[in-house]
Amino acid sequence: MGLSRTVSIVVFGSFLLGATGCGNESKSTTRRTMNPVCSGVGCLSTISWKFLLEGRSFPAKSRIDVNGTTVLNECVSKQKYFIDRSTSPEALVLPDFPMPKRGALAIDIMDLGDDCAQESMFFSDADVDFEFTKSGDSHEVLIVI
């Protein structure tokens, strides 16, 4: 009993010492530095994705999967996205997403119903092309479905 208590106290004290030792670091702002050798889309780690839905409207609550990974679920709060349902074609923008790999994308759009209680397939295609566009200083991935 005495040995385990001593070990616990030593471990806890080491943890506190380590945590307080890192607490006095000066705060610095992170700056983006541009590599002058690297330019263009190939140097970006994240990019805005823009989905255009021609001739149809996004469901009231959607879940979008790209290559089997959910990138948007409107039934989950605190996600960064914007769906403009007032334009034709309707547009969905996902800012600061990882760069897609070359090749076609598999995209599934699920209709989750108005109350997020049901799920039905709205759109599915395993071979969706995309392109890189530039407007001003910003780049984006444009996906027309």
N, C-alpha and C. Protein backbone atom coordinates (compact mmCIF):
# COMPACT_ATOMS: atom_id res chain seq x y z
N MET A 1 0.83 -1.19 0.00
CA MET A 1 0.00 0.00 0.00
C MET A 1 0.87 1.24 0.00
N GLY A 2 1.91 1.27 0.80
CA GLY A 2 2.77 2.43 0.92
C GLY A 2 3.56 2.69 -0.36
N LEU A 3 4.04 1.64 -1.03
CA LEU A 3 4.82 1.78 -2.25
C LEU A 3 3.96 2.31 -3.39
N SER A 4 2.74 1.78 -3.55
CA SER A 4 1.88 2.24 -4.64
C SER A 4 1.45 3.69 -4.43
N ARG A 5 1.24 4.08 -3.18
CA ARG A 5 0.87 5.47 -2.88
C ARG A 5 2.03 6.41 -3.21
N THR A 6 3.25 5.99 -2.86
CA THR A 6 4.43 6.80 -3.15
C THR A 6 4.63 6.95 -4.65
N VAL A 7 4.46 5.86 -5.39
CA VAL A 7 4.60 5.90 -6.85
C VAL A 7 3.53 6.82 -7.45
N SER A 8 2.31 6.73 -6.94
CA SER A 8 1.22 7.59 -7.43
C SER A 8 1.54 9.06 -7.19
N ILE A 9 2.07 9.37 -6.03
CA ILE A 9 2.41 10.76 -5.70
C ILE A 9 3.52 11.26 -6.61
N VAL A 10 4.53 10.43 -6.87
CA VAL A 10 5.65 10.81 -7.74
C VAL A 10 5.15 11.04 -9.17
N VAL A 11 4.31 10.16 -9.67
CA VAL A 11 3.77 10.30 -11.04
C VAL A 11 2.92 11.56 -11.13
N PHE A 12 2.06 11.79 -10.16
CA PHE A 12 1.21 12.99 -10.16
C PHE A 12 2.05 14.26 -10.07
N GLY A 13 3.06 14.24 -9.21
CA GLY A 13 3.95 15.40 -9.09
C GLY A 13 4.71 15.67 -10.38
N SER A 14 5.16 14.62 -11.04
CA SER A 14 5.86 14.78 -12.32
C SER A 14 4.93 15.38 -13.37
N PHE A 15 3.69 14.92 -13.37
CA PHE A 15 2.70 15.47 -14.30
C PHE A 15 2.48 16.96 -14.07
N LEU A 16 2.29 17.34 -12.80
CA LEU A 16 2.09 18.76 -12.47
C LEU A 16 3.30 19.60 -12.83
N LEU A 17 4.48 19.10 -12.56
CA LEU A 17 5.70 19.82 -12.88
C LEU A 17 5.84 20.01 -14.39
N GLY A 18 5.54 18.97 -15.13
CA GLY A 18 5.60 19.07 -16.59
C GLY A 18 4.57 20.02 -17.15
N ALA A 19 3.37 20.02 -16.59
CA ALA A 19 2.30 20.89 -17.08
C ALA A 19 2.60 22.34 -16.77
N THR A 20 3.13 22.63 -15.60
CA THR A 20 3.43 24.02 -15.25
C THR A 20 4.68 24.51 -15.95
N GLY A 21 5.57 23.63 -16.29
CA GLY A 21 6.78 24.03 -17.00
C GLY A 21 6.48 24.53 -18.39
N CYS A 22 5.40 24.06 -19.01
CA CYS A 22 5.03 24.48 -20.35
C CYS A 22 4.09 25.67 -20.35
N GLY A 23 3.64 26.10 -19.20
CA GLY A 23 2.63 27.14 -19.13
C GLY A 23 3.15 28.55 -19.35
N ASN A 24 4.44 28.77 -19.29
CA ASN A 24 4.96 30.12 -19.41
C ASN A 24 5.51 30.43 -20.78
N GLU A 25 5.17 29.63 -21.79
CA GLU A 25 5.65 29.90 -23.13
C GLU A 25 4.97 31.16 -23.64
N SER A 26 5.71 31.94 -24.39
CA SER A 26 5.12 33.16 -24.94
C SER A 26 4.17 32.80 -26.06
N LYS A 27 3.09 33.53 -26.15
CA LYS A 27 2.11 33.31 -27.20
C LYS A 27 2.63 33.96 -28.46
N SER A 28 2.58 33.23 -29.55
CA SER A 28 2.99 33.81 -30.83
C SER A 28 1.92 33.48 -31.85
N THR A 29 1.77 34.35 -32.80
CA THR A 29 0.78 34.12 -33.84
C THR A 29 1.40 33.27 -34.93
N THR A 30 0.59 32.39 -35.46
CA THR A 30 1.05 31.54 -36.54
C THR A 30 0.92 32.30 -37.84
N ARG A 31 1.97 32.30 -38.59
CA ARG A 31 1.96 32.97 -39.88
C ARG A 31 2.09 31.94 -40.98
N ARG A 32 1.35 32.17 -42.04
CA ARG A 32 1.51 31.32 -43.21
C ARG A 32 2.69 31.85 -44.01
N THR A 33 3.61 30.98 -44.28
CA THR A 33 4.73 31.38 -45.11
C THR A 33 4.61 30.68 -46.44
N MET A 34 4.86 31.42 -47.45
CA MET A 34 4.79 30.87 -48.79
C MET A 34 6.18 30.41 -49.19
N ASN A 35 6.26 29.23 -49.71
CA ASN A 35 7.50 28.72 -50.24
C ASN A 35 7.64 29.29 -51.65
N PRO A 36 8.66 30.10 -51.92
CA PRO A 36 8.75 30.72 -53.24
C PRO A 36 8.97 29.71 -54.35
N VAL A 37 9.48 28.53 -54.04
CA VAL A 37 9.71 27.52 -55.05
C VAL A 37 8.41 26.83 -55.41
N CYS A 38 7.53 26.69 -54.44
CA CYS A 38 6.28 25.97 -54.64
C CYS A 38 5.16 26.97 -54.87
N SER A 39 4.44 26.81 -55.97
CA SER A 39 3.31 27.71 -56.23
C SER A 39 2.22 26.90 -56.90
N GLY A 40 0.99 27.36 -56.75
CA GLY A 40 -0.13 26.70 -57.39
C GLY A 40 -0.85 25.76 -56.45
N VAL A 41 -1.80 25.04 -57.03
CA VAL A 41 -2.68 24.17 -56.25
C VAL A 41 -1.92 23.02 -55.62
N GLY A 42 -0.89 22.52 -56.25
CA GLY A 42 -0.16 21.37 -55.75
C GLY A 42 0.51 21.60 -54.41
N CYS A 43 0.66 22.84 -54.00
CA CYS A 43 1.33 23.16 -52.74
C CYS A 43 0.37 23.31 -51.58
N LEU A 44 -0.92 23.30 -51.85
CA LEU A 44 -1.91 23.51 -50.80
C LEU A 44 -2.19 22.21 -50.06
N SER A 45 -2.41 22.31 -48.75
CA SER A 45 -2.80 21.12 -47.98
C SER A 45 -4.32 21.10 -47.80
N THR A 46 -4.95 22.29 -47.77
CA THR A 46 -6.40 22.36 -47.70
C THR A 46 -6.90 23.33 -48.76
N ILE A 47 -8.16 23.16 -49.11
CA ILE A 47 -8.77 23.97 -50.15
C ILE A 47 -10.28 23.98 -49.93
N SER A 48 -10.96 25.00 -50.41
CA SER A 48 -12.42 25.02 -50.32
C SER A 48 -13.00 24.12 -51.39
N TRP A 49 -14.00 23.34 -51.01
CA TRP A 49 -14.71 22.48 -51.96
C TRP A 49 -16.04 23.13 -52.25
N LYS A 50 -16.42 23.18 -53.52
CA LYS A 50 -17.71 23.75 -53.91
C LYS A 50 -18.46 22.73 -54.77
N PHE A 51 -19.62 22.31 -54.26
CA PHE A 51 -20.48 21.38 -54.97
C PHE A 51 -21.60 22.19 -55.64
N LEU A 52 -21.82 21.98 -56.92
CA LEU A 52 -22.94 22.59 -57.61
C LEU A 52 -23.92 21.49 -57.98
N LEU A 53 -25.17 21.66 -57.59
CA LEU A 53 -26.21 20.67 -57.84
C LEU A 53 -27.14 21.22 -58.92
N GLU A 54 -26.93 20.78 -60.15
CA GLU A 54 -27.68 21.32 -61.28
C GLU A 54 -29.02 20.61 -61.45
N GLY A 55 -30.07 21.41 -61.60
CA GLY A 55 -31.39 20.87 -61.90
C GLY A 55 -32.12 20.24 -60.73
N ARG A 56 -31.53 20.26 -59.56
CA ARG A 56 -32.16 19.68 -58.36
C ARG A 56 -31.88 20.57 -57.17
N SER A 57 -32.53 20.26 -56.07
CA SER A 57 -32.33 20.99 -54.82
C SER A 57 -31.79 20.04 -53.76
N PHE A 58 -30.88 20.55 -52.95
CA PHE A 58 -30.38 19.75 -51.84
C PHE A 58 -31.53 19.43 -50.91
N PRO A 59 -31.54 18.23 -50.32
CA PRO A 59 -32.57 17.92 -49.33
C PRO A 59 -32.50 18.89 -48.15
N ALA A 60 -33.59 18.97 -47.39
CA ALA A 60 -33.65 19.87 -46.24
C ALA A 60 -32.52 19.57 -45.25
N LYS A 61 -32.23 18.31 -45.02
CA LYS A 61 -31.11 17.87 -44.18
C LYS A 61 -30.35 16.82 -44.97
N SER A 62 -29.05 17.07 -45.21
CA SER A 62 -28.25 16.19 -46.06
C SER A 62 -27.07 15.62 -45.30
N ARG A 63 -26.62 14.47 -45.77
CA ARG A 63 -25.32 13.92 -45.38
C ARG A 63 -24.58 13.64 -46.67
N ILE A 64 -23.35 14.12 -46.75
CA ILE A 64 -22.57 13.93 -47.97
C ILE A 64 -21.32 13.13 -47.62
N ASP A 65 -21.15 12.04 -48.34
CA ASP A 65 -19.98 11.18 -48.19
C ASP A 65 -19.14 11.29 -49.46
N VAL A 66 -17.83 11.46 -49.28
CA VAL A 66 -16.89 11.48 -50.39
C VAL A 66 -15.89 10.36 -50.16
N ASN A 67 -15.83 9.45 -51.11
CA ASN A 67 -14.94 8.28 -51.02
C ASN A 67 -15.15 7.52 -49.71
N GLY A 68 -16.40 7.40 -49.29
CA GLY A 68 -16.75 6.62 -48.11
C GLY A 68 -16.60 7.36 -46.79
N THR A 69 -16.17 8.62 -46.81
CA THR A 69 -16.00 9.41 -45.60
C THR A 69 -17.02 10.53 -45.57
N THR A 70 -17.73 10.67 -44.46
CA THR A 70 -18.72 11.73 -44.32
C THR A 70 -18.00 13.07 -44.19
N VAL A 71 -18.32 14.00 -45.11
CA VAL A 71 -17.72 15.33 -45.07
C VAL A 71 -18.72 16.37 -44.58
N LEU A 72 -20.00 16.04 -44.60
CA LEU A 72 -21.02 16.95 -44.09
C LEU A 72 -22.20 16.14 -43.61
N ASN A 73 -22.70 16.48 -42.43
CA ASN A 73 -23.93 15.92 -41.89
C ASN A 73 -24.68 17.09 -41.26
N GLU A 74 -25.73 17.55 -41.92
CA GLU A 74 -26.46 18.71 -41.44
C GLU A 74 -27.20 18.45 -40.13
N CYS A 75 -27.28 17.21 -39.70
CA CYS A 75 -27.93 16.89 -38.43
C CYS A 75 -26.95 16.98 -37.27
N VAL A 76 -25.70 17.26 -37.55
CA VAL A 76 -24.68 17.42 -36.52
C VAL A 76 -24.26 18.88 -36.52
N SER A 77 -24.28 19.52 -35.37
CA SER A 77 -23.95 20.94 -35.30
C SER A 77 -22.44 21.15 -35.30
N LYS A 78 -22.06 22.39 -35.39
CA LYS A 78 -20.67 22.84 -35.32
C LYS A 78 -19.82 22.31 -36.46
N GLN A 79 -20.34 22.42 -37.66
CA GLN A 79 -19.56 22.10 -38.84
C GLN A 79 -19.46 23.36 -39.68
N LYS A 80 -18.37 23.50 -40.39
CA LYS A 80 -18.18 24.66 -41.24
C LYS A 80 -18.66 24.31 -42.65
N TYR A 81 -19.76 24.91 -43.06
CA TYR A 81 -20.25 24.73 -44.42
C TYR A 81 -21.25 25.81 -44.72
N PHE A 82 -21.58 25.96 -45.99
CA PHE A 82 -22.60 26.90 -46.40
C PHE A 82 -23.33 26.31 -47.60
N ILE A 83 -24.64 26.16 -47.49
CA ILE A 83 -25.46 25.73 -48.62
C ILE A 83 -26.28 26.93 -49.06
N ASP A 84 -26.11 27.33 -50.31
CA ASP A 84 -26.90 28.42 -50.87
C ASP A 84 -28.03 27.80 -51.67
N ARG A 85 -29.20 27.72 -51.06
CA ARG A 85 -30.36 27.13 -51.71
C ARG A 85 -31.13 28.15 -52.54
N SER A 86 -30.69 29.41 -52.54
CA SER A 86 -31.42 30.45 -53.26
C SER A 86 -30.92 30.65 -54.69
N THR A 87 -29.81 30.01 -55.05
CA THR A 87 -29.26 30.18 -56.39
C THR A 87 -29.58 28.98 -57.26
N SER A 88 -29.43 29.15 -58.55
CA SER A 88 -29.58 28.03 -59.47
C SER A 88 -28.31 27.97 -60.32
N PRO A 89 -27.51 26.96 -60.24
CA PRO A 89 -27.67 25.76 -59.43
C PRO A 89 -27.35 26.03 -57.96
N GLU A 90 -27.94 25.21 -57.10
CA GLU A 90 -27.66 25.32 -55.67
C GLU A 90 -26.20 24.97 -55.42
N ALA A 91 -25.62 25.62 -54.41
CA ALA A 91 -24.19 25.44 -54.15
C ALA A 91 -23.95 25.10 -52.69
N LEU A 92 -23.02 24.20 -52.47
CA LEU A 92 -22.56 23.83 -51.14
C LEU A 92 -21.07 24.13 -51.09
N VAL A 93 -20.63 24.87 -50.09
CA VAL A 93 -19.21 25.20 -49.93
C VAL A 93 -18.72 24.63 -48.62
N LEU A 94 -17.63 23.88 -48.70
CA LEU A 94 -16.95 23.33 -47.52
C LEU A 94 -15.56 23.97 -47.46
N PRO A 95 -15.36 24.94 -46.57
CA PRO A 95 -14.05 25.61 -46.53
C PRO A 95 -12.99 24.77 -45.84
N ASP A 96 -11.77 24.92 -46.28
CA ASP A 96 -10.59 24.31 -45.65
C ASP A 96 -10.69 22.80 -45.49
N PHE A 97 -10.94 22.13 -46.59
CA PHE A 97 -10.95 20.68 -46.58
C PHE A 97 -9.66 20.17 -47.20
N PRO A 98 -9.26 18.94 -46.87
CA PRO A 98 -8.01 18.41 -47.43
C PRO A 98 -8.08 18.33 -48.96
N MET A 99 -6.95 18.49 -49.58
CA MET A 99 -6.87 18.39 -51.03
C MET A 99 -7.30 17.00 -51.48
N PRO A 100 -8.13 16.91 -52.51
CA PRO A 100 -8.51 15.59 -53.01
C PRO A 100 -7.36 14.97 -53.80
N LYS A 101 -7.32 13.67 -53.81
CA LYS A 101 -6.33 12.97 -54.61
C LYS A 101 -6.78 12.98 -56.05
N ARG A 102 -5.84 12.90 -56.96
CA ARG A 102 -6.15 12.89 -58.39
C ARG A 102 -7.06 11.71 -58.70
N GLY A 103 -7.92 11.89 -59.68
CA GLY A 103 -8.86 10.85 -60.07
C GLY A 103 -10.27 11.25 -59.70
N ALA A 104 -11.20 10.39 -60.04
CA ALA A 104 -12.60 10.67 -59.78
C ALA A 104 -12.94 10.43 -58.31
N LEU A 105 -14.03 11.08 -57.88
CA LEU A 105 -14.50 10.94 -56.50
C LEU A 105 -15.78 10.13 -56.47
N ALA A 106 -15.96 9.33 -55.43
CA ALA A 106 -17.22 8.63 -55.19
C ALA A 106 -18.02 9.49 -54.23
N ILE A 107 -19.19 9.97 -54.68
CA ILE A 107 -19.99 10.88 -53.87
C ILE A 107 -21.38 10.30 -53.66
N ASP A 108 -21.80 10.28 -52.40
CA ASP A 108 -23.15 9.89 -52.01
C ASP A 108 -23.78 11.04 -51.25
N ILE A 109 -25.00 11.41 -51.63
CA ILE A 109 -25.76 12.42 -50.90
C ILE A 109 -27.00 11.73 -50.36
N MET A 110 -27.13 11.75 -49.04
CA MET A 110 -28.26 11.12 -48.38
C MET A 110 -29.25 12.18 -47.91
N ASP A 111 -30.54 11.90 -48.10
CA ASP A 111 -31.61 12.75 -47.57
C ASP A 111 -31.93 12.21 -46.18
N LEU A 112 -31.71 13.02 -45.15
CA LEU A 112 -31.91 12.60 -43.77
C LEU A 112 -33.30 12.95 -43.24
N GLY A 113 -34.15 13.53 -44.09
CA GLY A 113 -35.49 13.90 -43.66
C GLY A 113 -35.46 15.19 -42.87
N ASP A 114 -36.60 15.82 -42.72
CA ASP A 114 -36.68 17.10 -42.01
C ASP A 114 -36.28 16.99 -40.54
N ASP A 115 -36.51 15.82 -39.93
CA ASP A 115 -36.23 15.65 -38.50
C ASP A 115 -35.02 14.75 -38.23
N CYS A 116 -34.25 14.44 -39.27
CA CYS A 116 -33.04 13.61 -39.15
C CYS A 116 -33.35 12.19 -38.69
N ALA A 117 -34.59 11.75 -38.84
CA ALA A 117 -34.98 10.43 -38.34
C ALA A 117 -35.00 9.36 -39.43
N GLN A 118 -34.88 9.77 -40.68
CA GLN A 118 -34.90 8.78 -41.76
C GLN A 118 -33.74 9.05 -42.71
N GLU A 119 -33.39 8.05 -43.50
CA GLU A 119 -32.28 8.19 -44.41
C GLU A 119 -32.62 7.51 -45.73
N SER A 120 -32.49 8.26 -46.83
CA SER A 120 -32.71 7.68 -48.15
C SER A 120 -31.68 8.27 -49.10
N MET A 121 -31.31 7.47 -50.11
CA MET A 121 -30.31 7.90 -51.08
C MET A 121 -30.90 8.98 -51.97
N PHE A 122 -30.22 10.10 -52.07
CA PHE A 122 -30.64 11.20 -52.93
C PHE A 122 -29.82 11.21 -54.22
N PHE A 123 -28.50 10.97 -54.09
CA PHE A 123 -27.60 10.96 -55.24
C PHE A 123 -26.44 10.03 -54.92
N SER A 124 -26.01 9.27 -55.92
CA SER A 124 -24.86 8.40 -55.74
C SER A 124 -24.16 8.23 -57.08
N ASP A 125 -22.84 8.46 -57.08
CA ASP A 125 -22.04 8.27 -58.28
C ASP A 125 -20.62 7.96 -57.83
N ALA A 126 -20.07 6.89 -58.36
CA ALA A 126 -18.73 6.46 -57.96
C ALA A 126 -17.64 7.03 -58.86
N ASP A 127 -18.03 7.87 -59.83
CA ASP A 127 -17.05 8.38 -60.79
C ASP A 127 -17.33 9.85 -61.12
N VAL A 128 -17.23 10.71 -60.12
CA VAL A 128 -17.51 12.14 -60.30
C VAL A 128 -16.18 12.87 -60.52
N ASP A 129 -16.12 13.60 -61.62
CA ASP A 129 -14.93 14.40 -61.91
C ASP A 129 -14.98 15.71 -61.14
N PHE A 130 -13.82 16.31 -60.95
CA PHE A 130 -13.72 17.61 -60.31
C PHE A 130 -12.63 18.39 -61.01
N GLU A 131 -12.65 19.70 -60.78
CA GLU A 131 -11.62 20.54 -61.35
C GLU A 131 -11.18 21.58 -60.31
N PHE A 132 -9.98 22.08 -60.51
CA PHE A 132 -9.47 23.13 -59.65
C PHE A 132 -9.74 24.46 -60.33
N THR A 133 -10.30 25.42 -59.59
CA THR A 133 -10.55 26.75 -60.13
C THR A 133 -9.88 27.77 -59.23
N LYS A 134 -9.65 28.94 -59.79
CA LYS A 134 -9.03 30.02 -59.03
C LYS A 134 -9.84 31.28 -59.25
N SER A 135 -10.17 31.93 -58.13
CA SER A 135 -10.85 33.22 -58.23
C SER A 135 -10.12 34.18 -57.31
N GLY A 136 -9.44 35.13 -57.90
CA GLY A 136 -8.62 36.04 -57.10
C GLY A 136 -7.45 35.29 -56.50
N ASP A 137 -7.30 35.38 -55.19
CA ASP A 137 -6.21 34.69 -54.50
C ASP A 137 -6.60 33.31 -53.98
N SER A 138 -7.87 32.94 -54.12
CA SER A 138 -8.33 31.68 -53.54
C SER A 138 -8.51 30.61 -54.61
N HIS A 139 -8.22 29.40 -54.20
CA HIS A 139 -8.42 28.22 -55.05
C HIS A 139 -9.58 27.43 -54.48
N GLU A 140 -10.25 26.66 -55.34
CA GLU A 140 -11.29 25.78 -54.86
C GLU A 140 -11.40 24.56 -55.77
N VAL A 141 -11.96 23.52 -55.20
CA VAL A 141 -12.29 22.32 -55.95
C VAL A 141 -13.74 22.47 -56.37
N LEU A 142 -14.01 22.40 -57.65
CA LEU A 142 -15.36 22.53 -58.17
C LEU A 142 -15.87 21.16 -58.58
N ILE A 143 -17.01 20.78 -57.99
CA ILE A 143 -17.62 19.48 -58.26
C ILE A 143 -19.04 19.74 -58.74
N VAL A 144 -19.33 19.41 -59.99
CA VAL A 144 -20.66 19.62 -60.56
C VAL A 144 -21.37 18.27 -60.61
N ILE A 145 -22.51 18.20 -59.91
CA ILE A 145 -23.29 16.96 -59.91
C ILE A 145 -24.73 17.23 -60.30
